[in-house]
Amino acid sequence: MRIIELSIFWTVLIDFVAWFIFHMAAAIFTLKLPDRFFAKDNWLYRTRKWEKSGKIWDELFRVKKWKDRLPDGAAILKQGFAKNQLKETDAKYFEKFVLESRRAECTHYLAMLPAVLFFLWNPVWVGVVMIFYAIAANMPCILAQRYNRPRFAKAARMKAFLSHIE
């Protein structure tokens, strides 16, 4: 499947640069999308019953123990919604958190897609490694979103309900 032959130096350099470009392009693309693209709990972001409100991800992967160590794209890009620390505790903030967690999940799905392109200039075994890299680099972030989002959605509903009672 390899159609471009390059020296090892150029192959490795292009691999690093390509991954950087793919990750940044996915992040910038989703940042430019209007909030309305992430406002609804569509089939991709919807929490499934078997996810047990996100708890399954902690049971299987101990997400709670390591999620705080993940890099926050908002801090890296100096724009977007920082999700590493709560800034407010009202319903609107929690709703925005939920929306931005969908954006983050989408970003990481998109960042994985170009992995197949590495077969164009790499030996097959390196292309396979790149697919594993894409999964290893992005799945922890996706799992953290899927773990956190149901909790924040519930908090947003509770805050909204309580504000109507007051």
N, C-alpha and C. Protein backbone atom coordinates (compact mmCIF):
# COMPACT_ATOMS: atom_id res chain seq x y z
N MET A 1 0.82 -1.19 0.00
CA MET A 1 0.00 0.00 0.00
C MET A 1 0.87 1.26 0.00
N ARG A 2 2.11 1.12 0.36
CA ARG A 2 3.03 2.25 0.39
C ARG A 2 3.27 2.72 -1.03
N ILE A 3 3.01 4.01 -1.27
CA ILE A 3 3.19 4.54 -2.63
C ILE A 3 4.29 5.59 -2.71
N ILE A 4 4.81 6.02 -1.55
CA ILE A 4 5.88 7.00 -1.52
C ILE A 4 7.05 6.42 -0.74
N GLU A 5 8.21 6.32 -1.37
CA GLU A 5 9.42 5.81 -0.71
C GLU A 5 10.25 6.98 -0.22
N LEU A 6 10.54 6.99 1.07
CA LEU A 6 11.34 8.05 1.67
C LEU A 6 12.42 7.43 2.55
N SER A 7 13.46 8.22 2.83
CA SER A 7 14.48 7.75 3.76
C SER A 7 13.86 7.66 5.15
N ILE A 8 14.54 6.96 6.04
CA ILE A 8 14.03 6.82 7.41
C ILE A 8 13.90 8.20 8.06
N PHE A 9 14.90 9.05 7.87
CA PHE A 9 14.86 10.39 8.45
C PHE A 9 13.59 11.13 8.02
N TRP A 10 13.34 11.18 6.71
CA TRP A 10 12.18 11.92 6.20
C TRP A 10 10.87 11.26 6.61
N THR A 11 10.86 9.95 6.66
CA THR A 11 9.65 9.25 7.07
C THR A 11 9.29 9.59 8.51
N VAL A 12 10.27 9.52 9.40
CA VAL A 12 10.02 9.82 10.81
C VAL A 12 9.63 11.28 10.98
N LEU A 13 10.33 12.18 10.30
CA LEU A 13 10.01 13.60 10.40
C LEU A 13 8.59 13.88 9.91
N ILE A 14 8.24 13.31 8.77
CA ILE A 14 6.89 13.51 8.23
C ILE A 14 5.84 12.90 9.15
N ASP A 15 6.14 11.76 9.75
CA ASP A 15 5.19 11.15 10.69
C ASP A 15 4.90 12.09 11.86
N PHE A 16 5.95 12.65 12.46
CA PHE A 16 5.75 13.57 13.59
C PHE A 16 4.99 14.82 13.17
N VAL A 17 5.41 15.41 12.07
CA VAL A 17 4.76 16.64 11.59
C VAL A 17 3.31 16.36 11.20
N ALA A 18 3.08 15.24 10.54
CA ALA A 18 1.72 14.89 10.11
C ALA A 18 0.80 14.73 11.32
N TRP A 19 1.27 14.02 12.35
CA TRP A 19 0.41 13.86 13.53
C TRP A 19 0.11 15.19 14.18
N PHE A 20 1.12 16.06 14.28
CA PHE A 20 0.89 17.39 14.85
C PHE A 20 -0.17 18.14 14.04
N ILE A 21 -0.03 18.13 12.74
CA ILE A 21 -0.99 18.83 11.86
C ILE A 21 -2.38 18.22 12.00
N PHE A 22 -2.48 16.90 11.99
CA PHE A 22 -3.79 16.25 12.09
C PHE A 22 -4.48 16.58 13.42
N HIS A 23 -3.72 16.53 14.51
CA HIS A 23 -4.31 16.84 15.82
C HIS A 23 -4.76 18.30 15.88
N MET A 24 -3.90 19.20 15.43
CA MET A 24 -4.25 20.63 15.47
C MET A 24 -5.42 20.94 14.53
N ALA A 25 -5.42 20.33 13.36
CA ALA A 25 -6.50 20.58 12.39
C ALA A 25 -7.84 20.12 12.96
N ALA A 26 -7.86 18.96 13.59
CA ALA A 26 -9.10 18.47 14.20
C ALA A 26 -9.58 19.42 15.29
N ALA A 27 -8.66 19.88 16.12
CA ALA A 27 -9.03 20.80 17.21
C ALA A 27 -9.52 22.13 16.67
N ILE A 28 -8.81 22.70 15.73
CA ILE A 28 -9.21 24.00 15.17
C ILE A 28 -10.53 23.87 14.43
N PHE A 29 -10.69 22.79 13.67
CA PHE A 29 -11.94 22.58 12.94
C PHE A 29 -13.14 22.54 13.89
N THR A 30 -13.03 21.76 14.95
CA THR A 30 -14.18 21.66 15.87
C THR A 30 -14.38 22.94 16.67
N LEU A 31 -13.31 23.67 16.95
CA LEU A 31 -13.46 24.97 17.62
C LEU A 31 -14.22 25.97 16.76
N LYS A 32 -14.06 25.86 15.46
CA LYS A 32 -14.73 26.79 14.54
C LYS A 32 -16.20 26.43 14.33
N LEU A 33 -16.58 25.21 14.64
CA LEU A 33 -17.98 24.82 14.48
C LEU A 33 -18.84 25.53 15.51
N PRO A 34 -20.01 26.01 15.10
CA PRO A 34 -20.89 26.67 16.07
C PRO A 34 -21.37 25.69 17.15
N ASP A 35 -21.70 26.25 18.31
CA ASP A 35 -22.17 25.43 19.43
C ASP A 35 -23.36 24.55 19.06
N ARG A 36 -24.19 25.01 18.13
CA ARG A 36 -25.40 24.24 17.78
C ARG A 36 -25.07 22.83 17.27
N PHE A 37 -23.86 22.63 16.73
CA PHE A 37 -23.46 21.29 16.28
C PHE A 37 -23.30 20.32 17.44
N PHE A 38 -23.10 20.86 18.63
CA PHE A 38 -22.85 20.01 19.80
C PHE A 38 -23.92 20.16 20.87
N ALA A 39 -24.96 20.91 20.56
CA ALA A 39 -26.00 21.20 21.56
C ALA A 39 -26.89 19.99 21.84
N LYS A 40 -27.10 19.16 20.85
CA LYS A 40 -28.00 18.01 21.01
C LYS A 40 -27.23 16.76 21.40
N ASP A 41 -27.89 15.94 22.16
CA ASP A 41 -27.32 14.67 22.59
C ASP A 41 -27.61 13.62 21.52
N ASN A 42 -26.93 13.73 20.37
CA ASN A 42 -27.22 12.83 19.25
C ASN A 42 -26.66 11.42 19.48
N TRP A 43 -26.82 10.55 18.51
CA TRP A 43 -26.45 9.14 18.65
C TRP A 43 -24.98 8.94 19.02
N LEU A 44 -24.10 9.83 18.56
CA LEU A 44 -22.68 9.66 18.83
C LEU A 44 -22.34 9.95 20.29
N TYR A 45 -22.94 10.98 20.84
CA TYR A 45 -22.59 11.42 22.19
C TYR A 45 -23.51 10.88 23.28
N ARG A 46 -24.64 10.35 22.89
CA ARG A 46 -25.62 9.87 23.87
C ARG A 46 -25.01 8.78 24.75
N THR A 47 -25.25 8.89 26.03
CA THR A 47 -24.79 7.87 26.97
C THR A 47 -25.71 6.66 26.86
N ARG A 48 -25.12 5.52 26.60
CA ARG A 48 -25.88 4.29 26.47
C ARG A 48 -26.17 3.72 27.86
N LYS A 49 -27.22 2.94 27.94
CA LYS A 49 -27.61 2.34 29.22
C LYS A 49 -26.47 1.50 29.80
N TRP A 50 -25.79 0.75 28.94
CA TRP A 50 -24.71 -0.11 29.40
C TRP A 50 -23.51 0.67 29.95
N GLU A 51 -23.46 1.99 29.67
CA GLU A 51 -22.37 2.81 30.20
C GLU A 51 -22.59 3.20 31.67
N LYS A 52 -23.78 2.90 32.18
CA LYS A 52 -24.12 3.15 33.58
C LYS A 52 -23.79 4.58 34.00
N SER A 53 -24.31 5.53 33.22
CA SER A 53 -24.06 6.96 33.49
C SER A 53 -22.57 7.29 33.53
N GLY A 54 -21.80 6.60 32.72
CA GLY A 54 -20.36 6.84 32.64
C GLY A 54 -19.53 6.01 33.60
N LYS A 55 -20.17 5.37 34.55
CA LYS A 55 -19.44 4.61 35.58
C LYS A 55 -18.68 3.42 35.01
N ILE A 56 -19.17 2.86 33.91
CA ILE A 56 -18.50 1.69 33.31
C ILE A 56 -17.05 2.01 32.96
N TRP A 57 -16.80 3.26 32.56
CA TRP A 57 -15.44 3.64 32.14
C TRP A 57 -14.49 3.67 33.33
N ASP A 58 -15.00 4.02 34.49
CA ASP A 58 -14.15 3.98 35.68
C ASP A 58 -13.96 2.54 36.14
N GLU A 59 -15.00 1.74 36.03
CA GLU A 59 -14.89 0.33 36.42
C GLU A 59 -13.88 -0.40 35.55
N LEU A 60 -13.91 -0.14 34.24
CA LEU A 60 -13.02 -0.85 33.31
C LEU A 60 -11.62 -0.26 33.24
N PHE A 61 -11.52 1.08 33.27
CA PHE A 61 -10.23 1.73 33.01
C PHE A 61 -9.75 2.66 34.13
N ARG A 62 -10.48 2.71 35.25
CA ARG A 62 -10.10 3.57 36.38
C ARG A 62 -9.89 5.02 35.94
N VAL A 63 -10.81 5.53 35.15
CA VAL A 63 -10.73 6.87 34.57
C VAL A 63 -10.53 7.93 35.64
N LYS A 64 -11.21 7.79 36.76
CA LYS A 64 -11.14 8.79 37.83
C LYS A 64 -9.71 9.01 38.31
N LYS A 65 -8.89 7.96 38.27
CA LYS A 65 -7.52 8.05 38.78
C LYS A 65 -6.59 8.85 37.86
N TRP A 66 -6.82 8.83 36.54
CA TRP A 66 -5.87 9.45 35.62
C TRP A 66 -6.42 10.59 34.77
N LYS A 67 -7.73 10.82 34.80
CA LYS A 67 -8.31 11.82 33.90
C LYS A 67 -7.76 13.22 34.12
N ASP A 68 -7.37 13.54 35.35
CA ASP A 68 -6.84 14.87 35.64
C ASP A 68 -5.44 15.09 35.05
N ARG A 69 -4.80 14.03 34.63
CA ARG A 69 -3.45 14.14 34.06
C ARG A 69 -3.47 14.36 32.54
N LEU A 70 -4.64 14.26 31.94
CA LEU A 70 -4.74 14.46 30.49
C LEU A 70 -4.54 15.93 30.15
N PRO A 71 -3.90 16.21 29.02
CA PRO A 71 -3.74 17.61 28.62
C PRO A 71 -5.09 18.22 28.25
N ASP A 72 -5.26 19.49 28.54
CA ASP A 72 -6.49 20.20 28.19
C ASP A 72 -6.23 21.00 26.92
N GLY A 73 -6.94 20.67 25.87
CA GLY A 73 -6.76 21.34 24.58
C GLY A 73 -6.94 22.84 24.65
N ALA A 74 -7.83 23.31 25.52
CA ALA A 74 -8.06 24.76 25.65
C ALA A 74 -6.79 25.45 26.13
N ALA A 75 -6.06 24.83 27.02
CA ALA A 75 -4.82 25.42 27.52
C ALA A 75 -3.73 25.39 26.45
N ILE A 76 -3.69 24.31 25.68
CA ILE A 76 -2.67 24.18 24.64
C ILE A 76 -2.91 25.19 23.52
N LEU A 77 -4.15 25.31 23.07
CA LEU A 77 -4.48 26.21 21.96
C LEU A 77 -4.77 27.64 22.41
N LYS A 78 -4.83 27.85 23.71
CA LYS A 78 -5.14 29.17 24.27
C LYS A 78 -6.49 29.69 23.82
N GLN A 79 -7.40 28.78 23.53
CA GLN A 79 -8.77 29.14 23.22
C GLN A 79 -9.65 27.93 23.48
N GLY A 80 -10.93 28.15 23.52
CA GLY A 80 -11.84 27.06 23.82
C GLY A 80 -12.26 27.10 25.28
N PHE A 81 -12.80 26.00 25.73
CA PHE A 81 -13.39 25.89 27.06
C PHE A 81 -12.51 24.98 27.92
N ALA A 82 -11.90 25.54 28.94
CA ALA A 82 -11.05 24.75 29.83
C ALA A 82 -11.92 23.82 30.68
N LYS A 83 -11.60 22.52 30.62
CA LYS A 83 -12.39 21.53 31.34
C LYS A 83 -11.62 20.91 32.51
N ASN A 84 -10.41 21.40 32.74
CA ASN A 84 -9.60 20.77 33.78
C ASN A 84 -9.93 21.26 35.19
N GLN A 85 -10.67 22.37 35.30
CA GLN A 85 -11.02 22.89 36.62
C GLN A 85 -12.35 23.63 36.52
N LEU A 86 -13.23 23.39 37.47
CA LEU A 86 -14.52 24.08 37.48
C LEU A 86 -14.33 25.55 37.78
N LYS A 87 -14.95 26.39 36.97
CA LYS A 87 -14.88 27.84 37.19
C LYS A 87 -16.16 28.35 37.87
N GLU A 88 -17.27 27.66 37.63
CA GLU A 88 -18.56 28.05 38.19
C GLU A 88 -19.34 26.79 38.57
N THR A 89 -20.47 26.98 39.23
CA THR A 89 -21.29 25.82 39.61
C THR A 89 -22.76 26.02 39.29
N ASP A 90 -23.07 26.88 38.34
CA ASP A 90 -24.48 27.08 37.98
C ASP A 90 -24.86 26.20 36.79
N ALA A 91 -26.16 26.10 36.54
CA ALA A 91 -26.68 25.21 35.49
C ALA A 91 -26.13 25.57 34.12
N LYS A 92 -26.04 26.86 33.79
CA LYS A 92 -25.55 27.28 32.47
C LYS A 92 -24.11 26.83 32.25
N TYR A 93 -23.29 26.94 33.28
CA TYR A 93 -21.90 26.51 33.16
C TYR A 93 -21.83 25.00 32.93
N PHE A 94 -22.61 24.24 33.69
CA PHE A 94 -22.61 22.79 33.51
C PHE A 94 -23.12 22.41 32.12
N GLU A 95 -24.13 23.12 31.62
CA GLU A 95 -24.63 22.86 30.26
C GLU A 95 -23.54 23.13 29.23
N LYS A 96 -22.79 24.21 29.42
CA LYS A 96 -21.68 24.53 28.52
C LYS A 96 -20.60 23.46 28.61
N PHE A 97 -20.34 22.97 29.81
CA PHE A 97 -19.36 21.90 30.00
C PHE A 97 -19.78 20.66 29.20
N VAL A 98 -21.05 20.31 29.27
CA VAL A 98 -21.57 19.15 28.54
C VAL A 98 -21.38 19.36 27.04
N LEU A 99 -21.75 20.53 26.55
CA LEU A 99 -21.59 20.85 25.13
C LEU A 99 -20.12 20.73 24.71
N GLU A 100 -19.24 21.31 25.51
CA GLU A 100 -17.81 21.29 25.17
C GLU A 100 -17.21 19.90 25.30
N SER A 101 -17.78 19.06 26.14
CA SER A 101 -17.29 17.68 26.20
C SER A 101 -17.65 16.93 24.91
N ARG A 102 -18.78 17.28 24.32
CA ARG A 102 -19.13 16.70 23.01
C ARG A 102 -18.15 17.18 21.95
N ARG A 103 -17.82 18.46 21.99
CA ARG A 103 -16.85 19.02 21.03
C ARG A 103 -15.50 18.30 21.18
N ALA A 104 -15.07 18.10 22.42
CA ALA A 104 -13.79 17.43 22.68
C ALA A 104 -13.82 15.99 22.17
N GLU A 105 -14.92 15.30 22.42
CA GLU A 105 -15.03 13.92 21.94
C GLU A 105 -14.96 13.87 20.42
N CYS A 106 -15.67 14.77 19.76
CA CYS A 106 -15.64 14.85 18.30
C CYS A 106 -14.22 15.12 17.80
N THR A 107 -13.53 16.03 18.47
CA THR A 107 -12.14 16.36 18.09
C THR A 107 -11.28 15.10 18.09
N HIS A 108 -11.41 14.30 19.11
CA HIS A 108 -10.56 13.11 19.22
C HIS A 108 -10.95 12.01 18.23
N TYR A 109 -12.23 11.91 17.92
CA TYR A 109 -12.62 10.97 16.85
C TYR A 109 -12.01 11.42 15.53
N LEU A 110 -12.13 12.71 15.23
CA LEU A 110 -11.58 13.24 13.97
C LEU A 110 -10.07 13.09 13.90
N ALA A 111 -9.39 13.26 15.03
CA ALA A 111 -7.93 13.15 15.06
C ALA A 111 -7.46 11.73 14.76
N MET A 112 -8.29 10.74 15.00
CA MET A 112 -7.91 9.35 14.72
C MET A 112 -8.06 8.98 13.24
N LEU A 113 -8.99 9.61 12.56
CA LEU A 113 -9.30 9.22 11.18
C LEU A 113 -8.11 9.23 10.23
N PRO A 114 -7.22 10.23 10.28
CA PRO A 114 -6.12 10.25 9.32
C PRO A 114 -5.07 9.15 9.51
N ALA A 115 -5.19 8.34 10.53
CA ALA A 115 -4.19 7.29 10.79
C ALA A 115 -3.96 6.41 9.57
N VAL A 116 -4.99 6.16 8.80
CA VAL A 116 -4.84 5.29 7.62
C VAL A 116 -3.94 5.91 6.56
N LEU A 117 -3.80 7.23 6.58
CA LEU A 117 -2.95 7.90 5.58
C LEU A 117 -1.48 7.54 5.75
N PHE A 118 -1.08 7.11 6.93
CA PHE A 118 0.32 6.79 7.18
C PHE A 118 0.79 5.58 6.38
N PHE A 119 -0.15 4.79 5.89
CA PHE A 119 0.21 3.66 5.03
C PHE A 119 0.78 4.15 3.69
N LEU A 120 0.49 5.39 3.32
CA LEU A 120 0.95 5.92 2.02
C LEU A 120 2.46 6.07 1.94
N TRP A 121 3.13 6.39 3.05
CA TRP A 121 4.57 6.61 3.00
C TRP A 121 5.34 5.79 4.03
N ASN A 122 4.66 4.89 4.71
CA ASN A 122 5.30 4.02 5.70
C ASN A 122 5.15 2.57 5.30
N PRO A 123 6.05 1.70 5.78
CA PRO A 123 5.83 0.27 5.61
C PRO A 123 4.53 -0.12 6.33
N VAL A 124 3.95 -1.22 5.95
CA VAL A 124 2.66 -1.65 6.51
C VAL A 124 2.74 -1.74 8.04
N TRP A 125 3.82 -2.31 8.56
CA TRP A 125 3.91 -2.48 10.01
C TRP A 125 3.89 -1.13 10.73
N VAL A 126 4.49 -0.10 10.13
CA VAL A 126 4.46 1.23 10.75
C VAL A 126 3.05 1.82 10.65
N GLY A 127 2.37 1.58 9.53
CA GLY A 127 0.99 2.03 9.40
C GLY A 127 0.11 1.44 10.49
N VAL A 128 0.33 0.17 10.80
CA VAL A 128 -0.42 -0.49 11.87
C VAL A 128 -0.08 0.16 13.22
N VAL A 129 1.20 0.43 13.44
CA VAL A 129 1.62 1.11 14.67
C VAL A 129 0.94 2.47 14.78
N MET A 130 0.82 3.18 13.67
CA MET A 130 0.19 4.51 13.67
C MET A 130 -1.30 4.41 14.03
N ILE A 131 -1.95 3.36 13.60
CA ILE A 131 -3.35 3.17 13.99
C ILE A 131 -3.44 2.93 15.50
N PHE A 132 -2.54 2.10 16.02
CA PHE A 132 -2.52 1.88 17.47
C PHE A 132 -2.19 3.17 18.22
N TYR A 133 -1.27 3.97 17.67
CA TYR A 133 -0.94 5.26 18.29
C TYR A 133 -2.18 6.15 18.33
N ALA A 134 -2.89 6.23 17.21
CA ALA A 134 -4.09 7.09 17.15
C ALA A 134 -5.09 6.70 18.22
N ILE A 135 -5.28 5.40 18.39
CA ILE A 135 -6.21 4.92 19.41
C ILE A 135 -5.67 5.22 20.81
N ALA A 136 -4.40 4.92 21.04
CA ALA A 136 -3.80 5.12 22.37
C ALA A 136 -3.76 6.60 22.76
N ALA A 137 -3.55 7.48 21.79
CA ALA A 137 -3.45 8.91 22.09
C ALA A 137 -4.82 9.56 22.29
N ASN A 138 -5.85 9.03 21.66
CA ASN A 138 -7.15 9.70 21.67
C ASN A 138 -8.20 9.03 22.55
N MET A 139 -8.14 7.72 22.70
CA MET A 139 -9.17 7.04 23.49
C MET A 139 -9.21 7.46 24.96
N PRO A 140 -8.08 7.71 25.61
CA PRO A 140 -8.20 8.19 27.00
C PRO A 140 -9.01 9.48 27.10
N CYS A 141 -8.82 10.38 26.15
CA CYS A 141 -9.58 11.64 26.17
C CYS A 141 -11.06 11.39 25.90
N ILE A 142 -11.36 10.49 24.99
CA ILE A 142 -12.75 10.15 24.70
C ILE A 142 -13.39 9.50 25.93
N LEU A 143 -12.67 8.58 26.55
CA LEU A 143 -13.21 7.91 27.74
C LEU A 143 -13.46 8.91 28.87
N ALA A 144 -12.56 9.88 29.04
CA ALA A 144 -12.76 10.90 30.07
C ALA A 144 -14.01 11.72 29.80
N GLN A 145 -14.26 12.05 28.53
CA GLN A 145 -15.48 12.80 28.18
C GLN A 145 -16.72 11.96 28.46
N ARG A 146 -16.66 10.70 28.09
CA ARG A 146 -17.82 9.82 28.27
C ARG A 146 -18.05 9.50 29.76
N TYR A 147 -17.00 9.58 30.56
CA TYR A 147 -17.13 9.41 32.00
C TYR A 147 -17.72 10.66 32.64
N ASN A 148 -17.21 11.83 32.27
CA ASN A 148 -17.63 13.09 32.90
C ASN A 148 -18.99 13.60 32.44
N ARG A 149 -19.28 13.49 31.16
CA ARG A 149 -20.48 14.14 30.61
C ARG A 149 -21.78 13.75 31.31
N PRO A 150 -22.05 12.48 31.57
CA PRO A 150 -23.32 12.15 32.25
C PRO A 150 -23.43 12.80 33.63
N ARG A 151 -22.33 12.91 34.33
CA ARG A 151 -22.35 13.52 35.66
C ARG A 151 -22.66 15.01 35.57
N PHE A 152 -22.04 15.68 34.59
CA PHE A 152 -22.29 17.11 34.43
C PHE A 152 -23.69 17.38 33.87
N ALA A 153 -24.17 16.50 33.01
CA ALA A 153 -25.54 16.66 32.49
C ALA A 153 -26.54 16.53 33.64
N LYS A 154 -26.31 15.57 34.52
CA LYS A 154 -27.19 15.40 35.68
C LYS A 154 -27.11 16.62 36.60
N ALA A 155 -25.90 17.12 36.82
CA ALA A 155 -25.73 18.31 37.67
C ALA A 155 -26.43 19.52 37.05
N ALA A 156 -26.35 19.66 35.73
CA ALA A 156 -27.02 20.78 35.05
C ALA A 156 -28.53 20.68 35.22
N ARG A 157 -29.07 19.46 35.07
CA ARG A 157 -30.52 19.26 35.26
C ARG A 157 -30.94 19.58 36.69
N MET A 158 -30.15 19.11 37.65
CA MET A 158 -30.47 19.36 39.06
C MET A 158 -30.41 20.85 39.38
N LYS A 159 -29.37 21.53 38.90
CA LYS A 159 -29.23 22.97 39.15
C LYS A 159 -30.39 23.74 38.52
N ALA A 160 -30.74 23.37 37.29
CA ALA A 160 -31.86 24.04 36.61
C ALA A 160 -33.16 23.81 37.37
N PHE A 161 -33.37 22.59 37.81
CA PHE A 161 -34.58 22.26 38.58
C PHE A 161 -34.63 23.06 39.88
N LEU A 162 -33.52 23.08 40.59
CA LEU A 162 -33.48 23.80 41.87
C LEU A 162 -33.65 25.30 41.69
N SER A 163 -33.15 25.85 40.59
CA SER A 163 -33.30 27.29 40.37
C SER A 163 -34.75 27.65 40.08
N HIS A 164 -35.53 26.72 39.53
CA HIS A 164 -36.95 26.96 39.28
C HIS A 164 -37.77 26.90 40.58
N ILE A 165 -37.28 26.13 41.54
CA ILE A 165 -37.98 25.99 42.81
C ILE A 165 -37.79 27.25 43.67
N GLU A 166 -36.60 27.82 43.61
CA GLU A 166 -36.27 28.98 44.47
C GLU A 166 -37.06 30.20 44.15
